[in-house]
Amino acid sequence: MKIIAGLGNPTKEYEGTRHNIGFSVIDQLAVQYNISMTEKKHKAVCGKGVIEGQKVVLLKPQTYMNLSGESIADAVNYYKIDPEEDLIVIYDDIDLDVGRLRIRAKGSAGGHNGMKNIIAHLGTQVFSRVRVGVGAKPKGWDLADYVLGRFSKEELPAIQEGKDDACRAVTLIVTEDVETAMNQMNVKK
């Protein structure tokens, strides 16, 4: 079983924001693989299903971004999975252009508070992550205002392509491994 967690903030006001790109990818995977996201447990909205023959749990923590580790650690412990092998976290990255992906098998939080909390709760930074670029903060903008803002009309095609690529990357990690996903998806376009 794999746990695929997308990071974001709960409540309607945050829907469609840059910081909620992880939730958007989970929603797209749920539609693509007909997984009902109606369960509420592990401090999350979640759904069990199958991706290309592999059992998965899709997870959208409802703890707010900075406390995502509470939800993810609860699910990891409940299902008794090894995060190194069976956890995939999808989240926003301001260091990547809109829609660009960066897949890694491990690494630091890179300044992302949601990832800092996950690493602290799991006690490891070795787990697969799919970072989706949301673009750099414009000069003079407050970081929180930027990541809690929405994509411009001009950015929508690039971010949709990024979500499609993130879904492909997750499918590759689930069916093959993270290295295969990195080799195929971490290429410059």
C-alpha atoms as a PDB file:
ATOM      1  CA  MET A   1       0.000   0.000   0.000  1.00  0.00           C
ATOM      2  CA  LYS A   2       1.191   3.516  -0.847  1.00  0.00           C
ATOM      3  CA  ILE A   3       0.121   6.728   0.836  1.00  0.00           C
ATOM      4  CA  ILE A   4      -0.028   9.650  -1.572  1.00  0.00           C
ATOM      5  CA  ALA A   5      -0.394  12.931   0.311  1.00  0.00           C
ATOM      6  CA  GLY A   6      -1.021  16.296  -1.302  1.00  0.00           C
ATOM      7  CA  LEU A   7      -0.333  19.361   0.809  1.00  0.00           C
ATOM      8  CA  GLY A   8      -2.614  22.364   1.118  1.00  0.00           C
ATOM      9  CA  ASN A   9      -4.869  24.281   3.459  1.00  0.00           C
ATOM     10  CA  PRO A  10      -8.454  23.261   4.232  1.00  0.00           C
ATOM     11  CA  THR A  11     -11.535  25.445   3.703  1.00  0.00           C
ATOM     12  CA  LYS A  12     -12.952  27.004   0.563  1.00  0.00           C
ATOM     13  CA  GLU A  13     -10.961  30.234   0.817  1.00  0.00           C
ATOM     14  CA  TYR A  14      -7.734  28.388  -0.071  1.00  0.00           C
ATOM     15  CA  GLU A  15      -9.073  26.376  -3.027  1.00  0.00           C
ATOM     16  CA  GLY A  16      -7.099  27.026  -6.189  1.00  0.00           C
ATOM     17  CA  THR A  17      -4.231  28.845  -4.448  1.00  0.00           C
ATOM     18  CA  ARG A  18      -0.584  28.205  -5.246  1.00  0.00           C
ATOM     19  CA  HIS A  19      -0.066  26.646  -1.804  1.00  0.00           C
ATOM     20  CA  ASN A  20      -2.880  24.133  -2.502  1.00  0.00           C
ATOM     21  CA  ILE A  21      -1.391  22.606  -5.641  1.00  0.00           C
ATOM     22  CA  GLY A  22      -0.867  19.334  -3.716  1.00  0.00           C
ATOM     23  CA  PHE A  23      -4.616  19.136  -3.015  1.00  0.00           C
ATOM     24  CA  SER A  24      -5.316  19.867  -6.702  1.00  0.00           C
ATOM     25  CA  VAL A  25      -3.113  16.972  -7.836  1.00  0.00           C
ATOM     26  CA  ILE A  26      -4.803  14.610  -5.343  1.00  0.00           C
ATOM     27  CA  ASP A  27      -8.210  15.722  -6.668  1.00  0.00           C
ATOM     28  CA  GLN A  28      -7.081  15.023 -10.232  1.00  0.00           C
ATOM     29  CA  LEU A  29      -5.730  11.567  -9.273  1.00  0.00           C
ATOM     30  CA  ALA A  30      -9.018  10.797  -7.501  1.00  0.00           C
ATOM     31  CA  VAL A  31     -10.987  11.604 -10.662  1.00  0.00           C
ATOM     32  CA  GLN A  32      -8.530   9.817 -12.954  1.00  0.00           C
ATOM     33  CA  TYR A  33      -8.602   6.592 -10.908  1.00  0.00           C
ATOM     34  CA  ASN A  34     -12.201   6.847  -9.646  1.00  0.00           C
ATOM     35  CA  ILE A  35     -11.219   7.082  -5.979  1.00  0.00           C
ATOM     36  CA  SER A  36     -13.883   8.499  -3.672  1.00  0.00           C
ATOM     37  CA  MET A  37     -12.446  11.152  -1.345  1.00  0.00           C
ATOM     38  CA  THR A  38     -15.140  10.983   1.318  1.00  0.00           C
ATOM     39  CA  GLU A  39     -13.432   9.382   4.314  1.00  0.00           C
ATOM     40  CA  LYS A  40     -12.413  11.613   7.199  1.00  0.00           C
ATOM     41  CA  LYS A  41      -9.655  10.138   9.321  1.00  0.00           C
ATOM     42  CA  HIS A  42      -5.993  10.737  10.135  1.00  0.00           C
ATOM     43  CA  LYS A  43      -6.878  14.464  10.433  1.00  0.00           C
ATOM     44  CA  ALA A  44      -7.449  14.318   6.668  1.00  0.00           C
ATOM     45  CA  VAL A  45      -9.893  13.808   3.866  1.00  0.00           C
ATOM     46  CA  CYS A  46      -8.857  10.559   2.257  1.00  0.00           C
ATOM     47  CA  GLY A  47      -9.851   7.801  -0.084  1.00  0.00           C
ATOM     48  CA  LYS A  48      -8.687   4.244  -0.735  1.00  0.00           C
ATOM     49  CA  GLY A  49      -8.342   2.921  -4.239  1.00  0.00           C
ATOM     50  CA  VAL A  50      -6.115   1.363  -6.851  1.00  0.00           C
ATOM     51  CA  ILE A  51      -3.648   2.988  -9.252  1.00  0.00           C
ATOM     52  CA  GLU A  52      -2.520   0.654 -12.035  1.00  0.00           C
ATOM     53  CA  GLY A  53      -3.038  -2.431  -9.831  1.00  0.00           C
ATOM     54  CA  GLN A  54      -1.429  -0.959  -6.703  1.00  0.00           C
ATOM     55  CA  LYS A  55      -3.437  -0.209  -3.549  1.00  0.00           C
ATOM     56  CA  VAL A  56      -3.202   3.436  -2.491  1.00  0.00           C
ATOM     57  CA  VAL A  57      -4.567   5.876   0.052  1.00  0.00           C
ATOM     58  CA  LEU A  58      -4.975   9.436  -1.229  1.00  0.00           C
ATOM     59  CA  LEU A  59      -4.639  11.953   1.606  1.00  0.00           C
ATOM     60  CA  LYS A  60      -5.413  15.669   1.949  1.00  0.00           C
ATOM     61  CA  PRO A  61      -4.386  16.750   5.482  1.00  0.00           C
ATOM     62  CA  GLN A  62      -6.908  19.099   7.096  1.00  0.00           C
ATOM     63  CA  THR A  63      -4.467  20.405   9.703  1.00  0.00           C
ATOM     64  CA  TYR A  64      -3.345  23.458   7.707  1.00  0.00           C
ATOM     65  CA  MET A  65      -0.059  23.346   5.839  1.00  0.00           C
ATOM     66  CA  ASN A  66       2.322  23.973   8.731  1.00  0.00           C
ATOM     67  CA  LEU A  67       0.968  20.981  10.698  1.00  0.00           C
ATOM     68  CA  SER A  68       0.772  18.486   7.797  1.00  0.00           C
ATOM     69  CA  GLY A  69       3.091  16.089   9.607  1.00  0.00           C
ATOM     70  CA  GLU A  70       0.450  15.318  12.249  1.00  0.00           C
ATOM     71  CA  SER A  71      -1.899  13.894   9.638  1.00  0.00           C
ATOM     72  CA  ILE A  72       0.716  12.126   7.530  1.00  0.00           C
ATOM     73  CA  ALA A  73       2.469  10.520  10.523  1.00  0.00           C
ATOM     74  CA  ASP A  74      -0.900   9.302  11.813  1.00  0.00           C
ATOM     75  CA  ALA A  75      -1.663   7.623   8.462  1.00  0.00           C
ATOM     76  CA  VAL A  76       1.861   6.182   8.137  1.00  0.00           C
ATOM     77  CA  ASN A  77       1.591   4.657  11.628  1.00  0.00           C
ATOM     78  CA  TYR A  78      -1.972   3.404  11.109  1.00  0.00           C
ATOM     79  CA  TYR A  79      -1.136   1.568   7.862  1.00  0.00           C
ATOM     80  CA  LYS A  80       2.302   0.537   9.176  1.00  0.00           C
ATOM     81  CA  ILE A  81       4.046   1.587   5.969  1.00  0.00           C
ATOM     82  CA  ASP A  82       7.717   2.414   5.498  1.00  0.00           C
ATOM     83  CA  PRO A  83       7.828   6.098   4.426  1.00  0.00           C
ATOM     84  CA  GLU A  84      11.047   5.441   2.486  1.00  0.00           C
ATOM     85  CA  GLU A  85       9.263   2.939   0.230  1.00  0.00           C
ATOM     86  CA  ASP A  86       5.573   3.789   0.409  1.00  0.00           C
ATOM     87  CA  LEU A  87       5.010   7.524   0.978  1.00  0.00           C
ATOM     88  CA  ILE A  88       4.709  10.161  -1.757  1.00  0.00           C
ATOM     89  CA  VAL A  89       4.194  13.834  -0.838  1.00  0.00           C
ATOM     90  CA  ILE A  90       3.078  16.393  -3.440  1.00  0.00           C
ATOM     91  CA  TYR A  91       3.559  20.093  -2.725  1.00  0.00           C
ATOM     92  CA  ASP A  92       4.221  23.563  -4.135  1.00  0.00           C
ATOM     93  CA  ASP A  93       7.684  24.970  -4.866  1.00  0.00           C
ATOM     94  CA  ILE A  94       8.360  28.670  -5.448  1.00  0.00           C
ATOM     95  CA  ASP A  95      11.860  27.884  -6.762  1.00  0.00           C
ATOM     96  CA  LEU A  96      10.455  26.198  -9.873  1.00  0.00           C
ATOM     97  CA  ASP A  97       8.737  27.873 -12.800  1.00  0.00           C
ATOM     98  CA  VAL A  98       4.951  27.464 -12.945  1.00  0.00           C
ATOM     99  CA  GLY A  99       4.122  23.887 -13.899  1.00  0.00           C
ATOM    100  CA  ARG A 100       7.690  22.524 -13.728  1.00  0.00           C
ATOM    101  CA  LEU A 101       8.263  19.371 -11.663  1.00  0.00           C
ATOM    102  CA  ARG A 102      11.102  18.195  -9.485  1.00  0.00           C
ATOM    103  CA  ILE A 103      10.932  14.665  -8.116  1.00  0.00           C
ATOM    104  CA  ARG A 104      13.217  13.488  -5.334  1.00  0.00           C
ATOM    105  CA  ALA A 105      13.590  10.361  -3.195  1.00  0.00           C
ATOM    106  CA  LYS A 106      14.768  12.360  -0.170  1.00  0.00           C
ATOM    107  CA  GLY A 107      15.958  15.773   0.902  1.00  0.00           C
ATOM    108  CA  SER A 108      15.566  18.675   3.254  1.00  0.00           C
ATOM    109  CA  ALA A 109      12.428  20.757   3.647  1.00  0.00           C
ATOM    110  CA  GLY A 110      14.002  23.520   1.582  1.00  0.00           C
ATOM    111  CA  GLY A 111      12.256  26.196   3.641  1.00  0.00           C
ATOM    112  CA  HIS A 112       8.781  24.696   3.124  1.00  0.00           C
ATOM    113  CA  ASN A 113       7.016  24.697   6.502  1.00  0.00           C
ATOM    114  CA  GLY A 114       4.692  21.816   5.632  1.00  0.00           C
ATOM    115  CA  MET A 115       7.672  19.642   4.735  1.00  0.00           C
ATOM    116  CA  LYS A 116       9.564  20.707   7.882  1.00  0.00           C
ATOM    117  CA  ASN A 117       6.624  19.482   9.961  1.00  0.00           C
ATOM    118  CA  ILE A 118       6.378  16.172   8.065  1.00  0.00           C
ATOM    119  CA  ILE A 119      10.112  15.491   8.479  1.00  0.00           C
ATOM    120  CA  ALA A 120       9.880  16.337  12.202  1.00  0.00           C
ATOM    121  CA  HIS A 121       6.901  14.002  12.747  1.00  0.00           C
ATOM    122  CA  LEU A 122       8.297  11.104  10.692  1.00  0.00           C
ATOM    123  CA  GLY A 123      11.854  11.450  11.991  1.00  0.00           C
ATOM    124  CA  THR A 124      13.199  11.005   8.456  1.00  0.00           C
ATOM    125  CA  GLN A 125      13.603  13.016   5.287  1.00  0.00           C
ATOM    126  CA  VAL A 126      13.833   9.902   3.131  1.00  0.00           C
ATOM    127  CA  PHE A 127      10.512   9.672   1.284  1.00  0.00           C
ATOM    128  CA  SER A 128       9.412  10.438  -2.265  1.00  0.00           C
ATOM    129  CA  ARG A 129       8.309  13.938  -3.057  1.00  0.00           C
ATOM    130  CA  VAL A 130       6.833  15.557  -6.145  1.00  0.00           C
ATOM    131  CA  ARG A 131       7.390  19.305  -6.123  1.00  0.00           C
ATOM    132  CA  VAL A 132       5.199  21.325  -8.478  1.00  0.00           C
ATOM    133  CA  GLY A 133       6.482  24.745  -9.480  1.00  0.00           C
ATOM    134  CA  VAL A 134       4.234  27.700  -8.684  1.00  0.00           C
ATOM    135  CA  GLY A 135       6.696  30.396  -9.757  1.00  0.00           C
ATOM    136  CA  ALA A 136       8.916  32.793  -7.861  1.00  0.00           C
ATOM    137  CA  LYS A 137       7.490  35.464  -5.589  1.00  0.00           C
ATOM    138  CA  PRO A 138       7.516  38.823  -7.391  1.00  0.00           C
ATOM    139  CA  LYS A 139       9.833  41.462  -5.956  1.00  0.00           C
ATOM    140  CA  GLY A 140       8.184  43.414  -3.168  1.00  0.00           C
ATOM    141  CA  TRP A 141       5.480  40.800  -2.489  1.00  0.00           C
ATOM    142  CA  ASP A 142       4.937  39.149   0.876  1.00  0.00           C
ATOM    143  CA  LEU A 143       5.601  35.396   0.566  1.00  0.00           C
ATOM    144  CA  ALA A 144       2.379  34.395   2.372  1.00  0.00           C
ATOM    145  CA  ASP A 145       0.298  36.679   0.143  1.00  0.00           C
ATOM    146  CA  TYR A 146       1.938  35.181  -2.935  1.00  0.00           C
ATOM    147  CA  VAL A 147       1.522  31.479  -2.084  1.00  0.00           C
ATOM    148  CA  LEU A 148      -2.019  32.057  -0.829  1.00  0.00           C
ATOM    149  CA  GLY A 149      -2.856  33.840  -4.084  1.00  0.00           C
ATOM    150  CA  ARG A 150      -4.290  32.270  -7.220  1.00  0.00           C
ATOM    151  CA  PHE A 151      -2.711  31.624 -10.592  1.00  0.00           C
ATOM    152  CA  SER A 152      -3.143  34.234 -13.292  1.00  0.00           C
ATOM    153  CA  LYS A 153      -5.186  33.414 -16.399  1.00  0.00           C
ATOM    154  CA  GLU A 154      -1.912  33.252 -18.362  1.00  0.00           C
ATOM    155  CA  GLU A 155      -0.453  30.698 -15.917  1.00  0.00           C
ATOM    156  CA  LEU A 156      -3.429  28.297 -16.020  1.00  0.00           C
ATOM    157  CA  PRO A 157      -2.270  26.220 -19.049  1.00  0.00           C
ATOM    158  CA  ALA A 158       1.206  25.739 -17.528  1.00  0.00           C
ATOM    159  CA  ILE A 159      -0.158  24.769 -14.114  1.00  0.00           C
ATOM    160  CA  GLN A 160      -2.610  22.298 -15.682  1.00  0.00           C
ATOM    161  CA  GLU A 161       0.300  20.724 -17.568  1.00  0.00           C
ATOM    162  CA  GLY A 162       2.177  20.584 -14.254  1.00  0.00           C
ATOM    163  CA  LYS A 163      -0.739  18.815 -12.561  1.00  0.00           C
ATOM    164  CA  ASP A 164      -0.955  16.335 -15.461  1.00  0.00           C
ATOM    165  CA  ASP A 165       2.807  15.702 -15.194  1.00  0.00           C
ATOM    166  CA  ALA A 166       2.546  15.300 -11.404  1.00  0.00           C
ATOM    167  CA  CYS A 167      -0.150  12.643 -11.876  1.00  0.00           C
ATOM    168  CA  ARG A 168       2.100  10.840 -14.383  1.00  0.00           C
ATOM    169  CA  ALA A 169       5.017  11.070 -11.937  1.00  0.00           C
ATOM    170  CA  VAL A 170       2.945   9.606  -9.093  1.00  0.00           C
ATOM    171  CA  THR A 171       1.802   6.759 -11.351  1.00  0.00           C
ATOM    172  CA  LEU A 172       5.439   6.030 -12.274  1.00  0.00           C
ATOM    173  CA  ILE A 173       6.511   6.016  -8.624  1.00  0.00           C
ATOM    174  CA  VAL A 174       3.620   3.681  -7.713  1.00  0.00           C
ATOM    175  CA  THR A 175       4.136   1.256 -10.621  1.00  0.00           C
ATOM    176  CA  GLU A 176       7.929   1.462 -11.059  1.00  0.00           C
ATOM    177  CA  ASP A 177      10.006   3.458  -8.535  1.00  0.00           C
ATOM    178  CA  VAL A 178      11.048   7.010  -7.737  1.00  0.00           C
ATOM    179  CA  GLU A 179      14.246   6.751  -9.805  1.00  0.00           C
ATOM    180  CA  THR A 180      12.247   5.924 -12.940  1.00  0.00           C
ATOM    181  CA  ALA A 181       9.981   8.903 -12.284  1.00  0.00           C
ATOM    182  CA  MET A 182      12.995  11.165 -11.719  1.00  0.00           C
ATOM    183  CA  ASN A 183      14.665  10.017 -14.946  1.00  0.00           C
ATOM    184  CA  GLN A 184      11.532  10.535 -17.029  1.00  0.00           C
ATOM    185  CA  MET A 185      10.005  13.619 -15.431  1.00  0.00           C
ATOM    186  CA  ASN A 186      12.925  15.761 -14.163  1.00  0.00           C
ATOM    187  CA  VAL A 187      13.828  16.862 -17.685  1.00  0.00           C
ATOM    188  CA  LYS A 188      13.819  20.447 -18.901  1.00  0.00           C
ATOM    189  CA  LYS A 189      11.050  21.238 -21.329  1.00  0.00           C
END
